[in-house]
Amino acid sequence: MANTYIPISKTILTSSASTITLSSIPQTYTDLVVLCSLRSTYPGVYTNWITMRVNNDSTQLYSMTYVASSAATASSSRFASASVSRGYPFYIDSDLNTANTFGNGEIYIPNYTSSTAKQISSTGVAEANDTTHEWLMGSANLYTGTSAVTSLVFFPNGGTFDIGCRIDLYGIKNS
C-alpha cells in the first residue's frame, strides 16, 4: 500500500517576515514533507537561498551538497561537513525577478523522530519568466544533531519573506 500524506500545517504570510517557523511538529509519522512557495525581498538580486534550521539549532551541525542549473550556466558545489549553521535546501525568487513570481520546492525528511543524524533532500526552482535567471536545484543536506525534529525554522539568506509566501507541512505514515 502507498504512503499516506497527512496535512499537519499550512502557513501563508499576510505580511513580510524574517522567518517562518513550523513548531510543535507531532512525533507520530515516519517522514516529513515540506512544500514551499517562497519569494524574498532581498534587493538587487534575482535569486536568494532559502535556509533552514532544525529545532532552531544554530551550531555547526549542517553540511550539504547541491547541483544547480540555469538556462545560462550550470554549477555544483559542496560545503565541508558540519561547517555551516543552517541547511540550504534551494533557491527562491527575489527582488529583481518578475513581480509576483515565487520559487517552489519540496523538502523531504525521512525518519525525523530517530535519534540519529537526519538526511534531508530537496528540489526547487526559482522562476524568472526569462531565459537567464531561472534556476533548477537539487540538494542533499545532513543535520548531524540527534534529537527528533520538533520544529523547522526557515530564513531567506537576505531580506525578508514576501507577502503571499506559503509553506505546507505533511506527515507520512508508511502503510
N, C-alpha and C. Protein backbone atom coordinates (compact mmCIF):
# COMPACT_ATOMS: atom_id res chain seq x y z
N MET A 1 0.84 -1.17 0.00
CA MET A 1 0.00 0.00 0.00
C MET A 1 0.89 1.24 0.00
N ALA A 2 0.47 2.29 -0.62
CA ALA A 2 1.25 3.52 -0.75
C ALA A 2 1.34 4.27 0.57
N ASN A 3 2.38 5.11 0.66
CA ASN A 3 2.50 6.00 1.81
C ASN A 3 1.36 7.02 1.76
N THR A 4 0.97 7.53 2.91
CA THR A 4 -0.13 8.47 3.00
C THR A 4 0.38 9.82 3.50
N TYR A 5 0.13 10.89 2.72
CA TYR A 5 0.47 12.25 3.13
C TYR A 5 -0.68 12.79 3.99
N ILE A 6 -0.35 13.24 5.20
CA ILE A 6 -1.37 13.78 6.10
C ILE A 6 -1.02 15.24 6.41
N PRO A 7 -1.91 16.19 6.08
CA PRO A 7 -1.62 17.60 6.34
C PRO A 7 -1.42 17.85 7.84
N ILE A 8 -0.34 18.55 8.17
CA ILE A 8 -0.06 18.94 9.56
C ILE A 8 -0.31 20.42 9.75
N SER A 9 0.25 21.25 8.85
CA SER A 9 0.06 22.69 8.99
C SER A 9 0.20 23.39 7.65
N LYS A 10 -0.38 24.60 7.58
CA LYS A 10 -0.29 25.46 6.40
C LYS A 10 -0.02 26.88 6.90
N THR A 11 1.02 27.51 6.35
CA THR A 11 1.36 28.88 6.71
C THR A 11 1.34 29.73 5.45
N ILE A 12 0.57 30.82 5.45
CA ILE A 12 0.53 31.77 4.35
C ILE A 12 0.76 33.16 4.94
N LEU A 13 1.81 33.85 4.46
CA LEU A 13 2.14 35.16 5.02
C LEU A 13 1.21 36.26 4.49
N THR A 14 0.66 37.04 5.40
CA THR A 14 -0.14 38.20 5.03
C THR A 14 0.66 39.49 5.19
N SER A 15 1.87 39.38 5.73
CA SER A 15 2.82 40.49 5.80
C SER A 15 4.22 39.88 5.70
N SER A 16 5.20 40.68 5.34
CA SER A 16 6.56 40.15 5.22
C SER A 16 7.06 39.67 6.58
N ALA A 17 8.00 38.72 6.56
CA ALA A 17 8.52 38.15 7.80
C ALA A 17 9.97 37.74 7.62
N SER A 18 10.76 37.86 8.67
CA SER A 18 12.17 37.49 8.60
C SER A 18 12.37 35.98 8.73
N THR A 19 11.39 35.29 9.31
CA THR A 19 11.45 33.83 9.43
C THR A 19 10.05 33.25 9.29
N ILE A 20 10.01 31.97 8.98
CA ILE A 20 8.77 31.19 9.07
C ILE A 20 9.10 29.98 9.92
N THR A 21 8.34 29.77 10.98
CA THR A 21 8.62 28.67 11.90
C THR A 21 7.47 27.67 11.89
N LEU A 22 7.81 26.41 11.72
CA LEU A 22 6.86 25.30 11.88
C LEU A 22 7.21 24.67 13.22
N SER A 23 6.35 24.82 14.22
CA SER A 23 6.67 24.34 15.56
C SER A 23 5.70 23.25 15.99
N SER A 24 6.03 22.63 17.10
CA SER A 24 5.20 21.57 17.68
C SER A 24 4.88 20.48 16.66
N ILE A 25 5.89 20.07 15.92
CA ILE A 25 5.69 19.02 14.91
C ILE A 25 5.40 17.71 15.65
N PRO A 26 4.27 17.08 15.36
CA PRO A 26 3.93 15.83 16.05
C PRO A 26 4.94 14.73 15.73
N GLN A 27 5.12 13.84 16.66
CA GLN A 27 6.11 12.77 16.52
C GLN A 27 5.45 11.44 16.13
N THR A 28 4.35 11.50 15.40
CA THR A 28 3.54 10.32 15.11
C THR A 28 3.66 9.81 13.68
N TYR A 29 4.54 10.39 12.89
CA TYR A 29 4.68 9.99 11.49
C TYR A 29 6.05 9.36 11.26
N THR A 30 6.24 8.81 10.09
CA THR A 30 7.52 8.22 9.71
C THR A 30 8.45 9.27 9.13
N ASP A 31 7.92 10.08 8.20
CA ASP A 31 8.70 11.08 7.48
C ASP A 31 7.94 12.39 7.42
N LEU A 32 8.66 13.47 7.05
CA LEU A 32 8.04 14.78 6.85
C LEU A 32 8.27 15.24 5.42
N VAL A 33 7.30 15.95 4.86
CA VAL A 33 7.43 16.61 3.57
C VAL A 33 7.01 18.06 3.76
N VAL A 34 7.85 18.98 3.27
CA VAL A 34 7.56 20.41 3.34
C VAL A 34 7.45 20.92 1.90
N LEU A 35 6.30 21.50 1.54
CA LEU A 35 6.11 22.10 0.23
C LEU A 35 6.15 23.62 0.41
N CYS A 36 6.96 24.29 -0.42
CA CYS A 36 7.18 25.73 -0.26
C CYS A 36 6.90 26.49 -1.55
N SER A 37 6.33 27.66 -1.41
CA SER A 37 6.20 28.64 -2.48
C SER A 37 6.65 29.97 -1.87
N LEU A 38 7.88 30.41 -2.22
CA LEU A 38 8.51 31.49 -1.47
C LEU A 38 9.15 32.54 -2.38
N ARG A 39 9.23 33.74 -1.86
CA ARG A 39 9.89 34.86 -2.53
C ARG A 39 10.49 35.73 -1.44
N SER A 40 11.69 36.29 -1.70
CA SER A 40 12.29 37.19 -0.72
C SER A 40 12.31 38.61 -1.25
N THR A 41 12.48 39.54 -0.33
CA THR A 41 12.58 40.96 -0.68
C THR A 41 14.03 41.40 -0.82
N TYR A 42 14.97 40.46 -0.84
CA TYR A 42 16.39 40.80 -0.90
C TYR A 42 16.66 41.68 -2.12
N PRO A 43 17.12 42.91 -1.92
CA PRO A 43 17.24 43.85 -3.03
C PRO A 43 18.45 43.57 -3.92
N GLY A 44 18.27 43.83 -5.20
CA GLY A 44 19.38 43.81 -6.14
C GLY A 44 19.81 42.45 -6.64
N VAL A 45 19.05 41.38 -6.34
CA VAL A 45 19.40 40.05 -6.82
C VAL A 45 18.18 39.36 -7.41
N TYR A 46 18.43 38.40 -8.30
CA TYR A 46 17.35 37.65 -8.92
C TYR A 46 16.90 36.47 -8.06
N THR A 47 17.87 35.78 -7.45
CA THR A 47 17.54 34.63 -6.63
C THR A 47 18.22 34.75 -5.27
N ASN A 48 17.70 33.99 -4.34
CA ASN A 48 18.18 34.04 -2.96
C ASN A 48 18.03 32.62 -2.39
N TRP A 49 18.91 32.25 -1.50
CA TRP A 49 18.78 30.96 -0.81
C TRP A 49 17.64 31.00 0.18
N ILE A 50 16.92 29.90 0.30
CA ILE A 50 16.11 29.67 1.49
C ILE A 50 17.02 28.83 2.38
N THR A 51 17.10 29.17 3.65
CA THR A 51 17.89 28.39 4.58
C THR A 51 16.98 27.85 5.68
N MET A 52 17.45 26.83 6.38
CA MET A 52 16.60 26.12 7.33
C MET A 52 17.41 25.66 8.54
N ARG A 53 16.82 25.78 9.70
CA ARG A 53 17.41 25.21 10.91
C ARG A 53 16.45 24.17 11.48
N VAL A 54 16.98 23.05 11.88
CA VAL A 54 16.22 22.01 12.56
C VAL A 54 16.23 22.35 14.05
N ASN A 55 15.05 22.40 14.65
CA ASN A 55 14.90 22.73 16.08
C ASN A 55 15.59 24.05 16.43
N ASN A 56 15.70 24.95 15.46
CA ASN A 56 16.38 26.24 15.58
C ASN A 56 17.81 26.10 16.10
N ASP A 57 18.45 24.99 15.79
CA ASP A 57 19.83 24.70 16.19
C ASP A 57 20.78 25.46 15.27
N SER A 58 21.54 26.40 15.82
CA SER A 58 22.45 27.22 15.02
C SER A 58 23.91 26.79 15.16
N THR A 59 24.17 25.64 15.77
CA THR A 59 25.55 25.17 15.86
C THR A 59 26.00 24.64 14.50
N GLN A 60 27.24 24.33 14.39
CA GLN A 60 27.84 23.91 13.12
C GLN A 60 27.57 22.43 12.85
N LEU A 61 26.30 22.06 12.73
CA LEU A 61 25.91 20.66 12.57
C LEU A 61 25.35 20.35 11.18
N TYR A 62 25.56 21.21 10.20
CA TYR A 62 24.96 21.03 8.89
C TYR A 62 26.04 20.90 7.82
N SER A 63 25.77 20.08 6.83
CA SER A 63 26.58 20.04 5.62
C SER A 63 25.65 19.82 4.46
N MET A 64 26.10 20.15 3.26
CA MET A 64 25.22 19.99 2.11
C MET A 64 26.01 19.86 0.83
N THR A 65 25.36 19.24 -0.12
CA THR A 65 25.84 19.16 -1.49
C THR A 65 24.70 19.56 -2.39
N TYR A 66 25.00 20.36 -3.41
CA TYR A 66 23.92 20.73 -4.31
C TYR A 66 24.39 20.80 -5.75
N VAL A 67 23.45 20.67 -6.64
CA VAL A 67 23.67 20.91 -8.05
C VAL A 67 22.62 21.91 -8.49
N ALA A 68 23.05 22.96 -9.16
CA ALA A 68 22.12 24.00 -9.63
C ALA A 68 22.39 24.25 -11.10
N SER A 69 21.33 24.52 -11.83
CA SER A 69 21.46 24.76 -13.26
C SER A 69 20.50 25.86 -13.68
N SER A 70 20.97 26.73 -14.57
CA SER A 70 20.10 27.76 -15.14
C SER A 70 20.14 27.64 -16.66
N ALA A 71 19.36 28.45 -17.32
CA ALA A 71 19.36 28.46 -18.78
C ALA A 71 20.72 28.92 -19.30
N ALA A 72 21.45 29.69 -18.50
CA ALA A 72 22.72 30.25 -18.95
C ALA A 72 23.94 29.45 -18.50
N THR A 73 23.92 28.84 -17.30
CA THR A 73 25.09 28.15 -16.76
C THR A 73 24.67 26.91 -15.98
N ALA A 74 25.66 26.12 -15.61
CA ALA A 74 25.45 25.01 -14.69
C ALA A 74 26.58 25.05 -13.68
N SER A 75 26.29 24.75 -12.43
CA SER A 75 27.34 24.77 -11.41
C SER A 75 27.04 23.73 -10.36
N SER A 76 28.07 23.36 -9.63
CA SER A 76 27.87 22.48 -8.49
C SER A 76 28.87 22.86 -7.42
N SER A 77 28.54 22.54 -6.19
CA SER A 77 29.41 22.91 -5.08
C SER A 77 29.15 21.98 -3.91
N ARG A 78 30.11 21.88 -3.00
CA ARG A 78 29.93 21.09 -1.79
C ARG A 78 30.51 21.86 -0.63
N PHE A 79 29.74 22.02 0.43
CA PHE A 79 30.23 22.62 1.66
C PHE A 79 30.88 21.53 2.49
N ALA A 80 31.90 21.90 3.23
CA ALA A 80 32.59 20.94 4.09
C ALA A 80 31.63 20.40 5.15
N SER A 81 31.83 19.17 5.55
CA SER A 81 30.97 18.51 6.52
C SER A 81 30.93 19.28 7.84
N ALA A 82 29.72 19.41 8.39
CA ALA A 82 29.50 20.04 9.70
C ALA A 82 30.13 21.42 9.79
N SER A 83 29.95 22.23 8.73
CA SER A 83 30.65 23.52 8.71
C SER A 83 29.74 24.73 8.66
N VAL A 84 28.45 24.55 8.51
CA VAL A 84 27.57 25.70 8.38
C VAL A 84 26.47 25.63 9.44
N SER A 85 25.88 26.79 9.75
CA SER A 85 24.91 26.86 10.84
C SER A 85 23.47 26.71 10.38
N ARG A 86 23.25 26.40 9.09
CA ARG A 86 21.90 26.19 8.56
C ARG A 86 21.99 25.23 7.38
N GLY A 87 20.87 24.59 7.08
CA GLY A 87 20.78 23.83 5.85
C GLY A 87 20.37 24.76 4.72
N TYR A 88 20.72 24.40 3.49
CA TYR A 88 20.43 25.24 2.32
C TYR A 88 19.65 24.41 1.30
N PRO A 89 18.33 24.36 1.42
CA PRO A 89 17.56 23.49 0.51
C PRO A 89 17.55 23.91 -0.96
N PHE A 90 17.26 25.20 -1.28
CA PHE A 90 17.19 25.59 -2.68
C PHE A 90 17.08 27.11 -2.81
N TYR A 91 17.17 27.57 -4.06
CA TYR A 91 16.99 28.99 -4.37
C TYR A 91 15.51 29.35 -4.44
N ILE A 92 15.21 30.60 -4.10
CA ILE A 92 13.86 31.14 -4.29
C ILE A 92 13.97 32.44 -5.09
N ASP A 93 12.86 32.93 -5.59
CA ASP A 93 12.85 34.19 -6.32
C ASP A 93 13.12 35.35 -5.36
N SER A 94 13.67 36.43 -5.93
CA SER A 94 13.96 37.60 -5.12
C SER A 94 13.60 38.88 -5.86
N ASP A 95 14.07 39.98 -5.35
CA ASP A 95 13.65 41.32 -5.75
C ASP A 95 13.68 41.60 -7.26
N LEU A 96 14.74 41.21 -7.97
CA LEU A 96 14.86 41.54 -9.39
C LEU A 96 14.09 40.60 -10.31
N ASN A 97 13.64 39.46 -9.81
CA ASN A 97 12.85 38.56 -10.64
C ASN A 97 11.48 39.16 -10.92
N THR A 98 10.80 38.62 -11.91
CA THR A 98 9.48 39.10 -12.30
C THR A 98 8.57 39.22 -11.08
N ALA A 99 7.87 40.33 -10.98
CA ALA A 99 6.97 40.57 -9.85
C ALA A 99 5.98 39.41 -9.69
N ASN A 100 5.68 39.09 -8.46
CA ASN A 100 4.68 38.07 -8.12
C ASN A 100 5.02 36.67 -8.59
N THR A 101 6.31 36.40 -8.84
CA THR A 101 6.72 35.02 -9.10
C THR A 101 7.38 34.48 -7.83
N PHE A 102 7.16 33.20 -7.58
CA PHE A 102 7.65 32.58 -6.36
C PHE A 102 8.49 31.35 -6.71
N GLY A 103 9.56 31.14 -5.95
CA GLY A 103 10.32 29.90 -6.07
C GLY A 103 9.54 28.80 -5.38
N ASN A 104 9.57 27.61 -5.96
CA ASN A 104 8.81 26.50 -5.40
C ASN A 104 9.73 25.32 -5.15
N GLY A 105 9.46 24.59 -4.08
CA GLY A 105 10.30 23.46 -3.78
C GLY A 105 9.68 22.48 -2.80
N GLU A 106 10.35 21.35 -2.67
CA GLU A 106 9.93 20.30 -1.75
C GLU A 106 11.12 19.85 -0.93
N ILE A 107 10.91 19.68 0.37
CA ILE A 107 11.93 19.20 1.29
C ILE A 107 11.41 17.90 1.90
N TYR A 108 12.25 16.87 1.89
CA TYR A 108 11.85 15.56 2.41
C TYR A 108 12.78 15.17 3.55
N ILE A 109 12.20 14.84 4.70
CA ILE A 109 12.98 14.46 5.88
C ILE A 109 12.52 13.08 6.34
N PRO A 110 13.25 12.02 5.97
CA PRO A 110 12.87 10.69 6.42
C PRO A 110 13.29 10.44 7.87
N ASN A 111 12.60 9.58 8.54
CA ASN A 111 12.96 9.15 9.91
C ASN A 111 13.24 10.32 10.84
N TYR A 112 12.37 11.30 10.82
CA TYR A 112 12.62 12.55 11.55
C TYR A 112 12.54 12.39 13.06
N THR A 113 11.98 11.30 13.56
CA THR A 113 11.90 11.09 15.01
C THR A 113 13.07 10.28 15.56
N SER A 114 13.96 9.83 14.69
CA SER A 114 15.07 8.97 15.13
C SER A 114 16.09 9.75 15.96
N SER A 115 16.94 9.03 16.66
CA SER A 115 17.99 9.64 17.47
C SER A 115 19.33 9.60 16.73
N THR A 116 19.27 9.64 15.41
CA THR A 116 20.47 9.67 14.58
C THR A 116 20.46 10.93 13.71
N ALA A 117 21.53 11.15 12.97
CA ALA A 117 21.62 12.28 12.05
C ALA A 117 20.45 12.23 11.05
N LYS A 118 20.03 13.39 10.58
CA LYS A 118 18.89 13.49 9.66
C LYS A 118 19.37 13.81 8.25
N GLN A 119 19.02 12.96 7.29
CA GLN A 119 19.29 13.23 5.88
C GLN A 119 18.10 13.99 5.33
N ILE A 120 18.37 15.10 4.67
CA ILE A 120 17.31 15.97 4.17
C ILE A 120 17.54 16.21 2.69
N SER A 121 16.59 15.81 1.86
CA SER A 121 16.74 16.04 0.43
C SER A 121 15.74 17.09 -0.02
N SER A 122 16.11 17.82 -1.07
CA SER A 122 15.20 18.87 -1.55
C SER A 122 15.42 19.14 -3.03
N THR A 123 14.37 19.62 -3.67
CA THR A 123 14.44 20.11 -5.04
C THR A 123 13.67 21.42 -5.07
N GLY A 124 14.09 22.31 -5.96
CA GLY A 124 13.40 23.58 -6.06
C GLY A 124 13.70 24.29 -7.36
N VAL A 125 12.89 25.29 -7.65
CA VAL A 125 13.07 26.09 -8.85
C VAL A 125 12.74 27.54 -8.53
N ALA A 126 13.61 28.44 -8.99
CA ALA A 126 13.34 29.88 -8.94
C ALA A 126 12.96 30.28 -10.36
N GLU A 127 11.79 30.88 -10.51
CA GLU A 127 11.25 31.17 -11.84
C GLU A 127 11.26 32.67 -12.11
N ALA A 128 11.91 33.06 -13.22
CA ALA A 128 12.00 34.48 -13.55
C ALA A 128 11.23 34.85 -14.80
N ASN A 129 10.66 33.88 -15.47
CA ASN A 129 9.98 34.14 -16.74
C ASN A 129 10.90 34.78 -17.77
N ASP A 130 12.19 34.43 -17.73
CA ASP A 130 13.14 34.82 -18.77
C ASP A 130 14.10 33.66 -19.00
N THR A 131 15.11 33.83 -19.81
CA THR A 131 16.00 32.71 -20.15
C THR A 131 17.32 32.72 -19.40
N THR A 132 17.56 33.68 -18.53
CA THR A 132 18.86 33.72 -17.87
C THR A 132 18.81 33.68 -16.35
N HIS A 133 17.67 33.85 -15.73
CA HIS A 133 17.62 33.93 -14.27
C HIS A 133 16.74 32.87 -13.62
N GLU A 134 16.43 31.83 -14.35
CA GLU A 134 15.68 30.71 -13.78
C GLU A 134 16.67 29.66 -13.31
N TRP A 135 16.44 29.12 -12.14
CA TRP A 135 17.34 28.13 -11.56
C TRP A 135 16.57 26.89 -11.14
N LEU A 136 17.11 25.73 -11.48
CA LEU A 136 16.62 24.45 -11.01
C LEU A 136 17.69 23.89 -10.10
N MET A 137 17.29 23.37 -8.95
CA MET A 137 18.29 22.96 -7.97
C MET A 137 17.85 21.70 -7.24
N GLY A 138 18.81 20.85 -6.96
CA GLY A 138 18.61 19.69 -6.11
C GLY A 138 19.70 19.70 -5.05
N SER A 139 19.35 19.37 -3.82
CA SER A 139 20.37 19.36 -2.77
C SER A 139 20.15 18.22 -1.79
N ALA A 140 21.24 17.83 -1.18
CA ALA A 140 21.23 16.85 -0.10
C ALA A 140 21.87 17.51 1.11
N ASN A 141 21.13 17.61 2.19
CA ASN A 141 21.63 18.21 3.42
C ASN A 141 21.73 17.14 4.49
N LEU A 142 22.69 17.31 5.38
CA LEU A 142 22.82 16.42 6.52
C LEU A 142 22.84 17.26 7.78
N TYR A 143 21.92 16.96 8.69
CA TYR A 143 21.90 17.59 10.00
C TYR A 143 22.37 16.52 10.97
N THR A 144 23.50 16.75 11.63
CA THR A 144 24.09 15.69 12.46
C THR A 144 23.61 15.70 13.90
N GLY A 145 22.69 16.61 14.25
CA GLY A 145 22.08 16.57 15.58
C GLY A 145 21.28 15.28 15.73
N THR A 146 21.15 14.80 16.95
CA THR A 146 20.49 13.51 17.18
C THR A 146 19.12 13.62 17.83
N SER A 147 18.63 14.82 18.05
CA SER A 147 17.28 14.98 18.61
C SER A 147 16.24 14.81 17.51
N ALA A 148 15.07 14.35 17.88
CA ALA A 148 13.95 14.27 16.94
C ALA A 148 13.61 15.67 16.45
N VAL A 149 13.13 15.79 15.23
CA VAL A 149 12.75 17.08 14.67
C VAL A 149 11.40 17.49 15.26
N THR A 150 11.40 18.60 16.02
CA THR A 150 10.17 19.12 16.61
C THR A 150 9.79 20.47 16.03
N SER A 151 10.74 21.13 15.35
CA SER A 151 10.45 22.40 14.68
C SER A 151 11.41 22.61 13.53
N LEU A 152 10.95 23.39 12.55
CA LEU A 152 11.78 23.81 11.41
C LEU A 152 11.64 25.32 11.29
N VAL A 153 12.77 26.01 11.19
CA VAL A 153 12.75 27.46 11.04
C VAL A 153 13.39 27.79 9.69
N PHE A 154 12.67 28.57 8.87
CA PHE A 154 13.13 28.94 7.54
C PHE A 154 13.49 30.42 7.51
N PHE A 155 14.58 30.74 6.80
CA PHE A 155 15.07 32.11 6.65
C PHE A 155 15.39 32.36 5.18
N PRO A 156 15.15 33.56 4.66
CA PRO A 156 15.77 33.91 3.40
C PRO A 156 17.22 34.29 3.72
N ASN A 157 18.14 34.08 2.81
CA ASN A 157 19.54 34.38 3.08
C ASN A 157 19.81 35.89 3.12
N GLY A 158 18.82 36.68 2.77
CA GLY A 158 18.88 38.13 2.86
C GLY A 158 17.48 38.67 2.67
N GLY A 159 17.21 39.85 3.17
CA GLY A 159 15.87 40.42 3.07
C GLY A 159 14.89 39.68 3.96
N THR A 160 13.62 39.72 3.57
CA THR A 160 12.56 39.03 4.31
C THR A 160 11.74 38.19 3.35
N PHE A 161 10.92 37.30 3.90
CA PHE A 161 9.95 36.60 3.07
C PHE A 161 8.85 37.59 2.70
N ASP A 162 8.40 37.52 1.45
CA ASP A 162 7.41 38.47 0.93
C ASP A 162 5.98 38.02 1.26
N ILE A 163 5.06 38.94 1.16
CA ILE A 163 3.63 38.64 1.34
C ILE A 163 3.23 37.56 0.34
N GLY A 164 2.43 36.61 0.77
CA GLY A 164 1.96 35.54 -0.10
C GLY A 164 2.79 34.27 -0.05
N CYS A 165 3.93 34.30 0.65
CA CYS A 165 4.73 33.08 0.79
C CYS A 165 3.91 32.01 1.50
N ARG A 166 4.13 30.76 1.11
CA ARG A 166 3.35 29.67 1.68
C ARG A 166 4.25 28.47 1.95
N ILE A 167 4.03 27.83 3.11
CA ILE A 167 4.71 26.58 3.45
C ILE A 167 3.65 25.62 4.00
N ASP A 168 3.60 24.43 3.40
CA ASP A 168 2.70 23.37 3.86
C ASP A 168 3.53 22.21 4.40
N LEU A 169 3.17 21.70 5.55
CA LEU A 169 3.87 20.59 6.18
C LEU A 169 2.98 19.36 6.18
N TYR A 170 3.54 18.22 5.75
CA TYR A 170 2.81 16.95 5.73
C TYR A 170 3.61 15.89 6.49
N GLY A 171 2.88 15.03 7.17
CA GLY A 171 3.47 13.84 7.76
C GLY A 171 3.18 12.66 6.86
N ILE A 172 4.10 11.71 6.84
CA ILE A 172 3.91 10.50 6.04
C ILE A 172 3.90 9.31 6.97
N LYS A 173 2.88 8.48 6.82
CA LYS A 173 2.81 7.21 7.54
C LYS A 173 3.00 6.11 6.54
N ASN A 174 3.98 5.25 6.77
CA ASN A 174 4.14 4.09 5.90
C ASN A 174 3.03 3.11 6.22
N SER A 175 2.32 2.68 5.18
CA SER A 175 1.19 1.78 5.39
C SER A 175 1.57 0.35 5.08
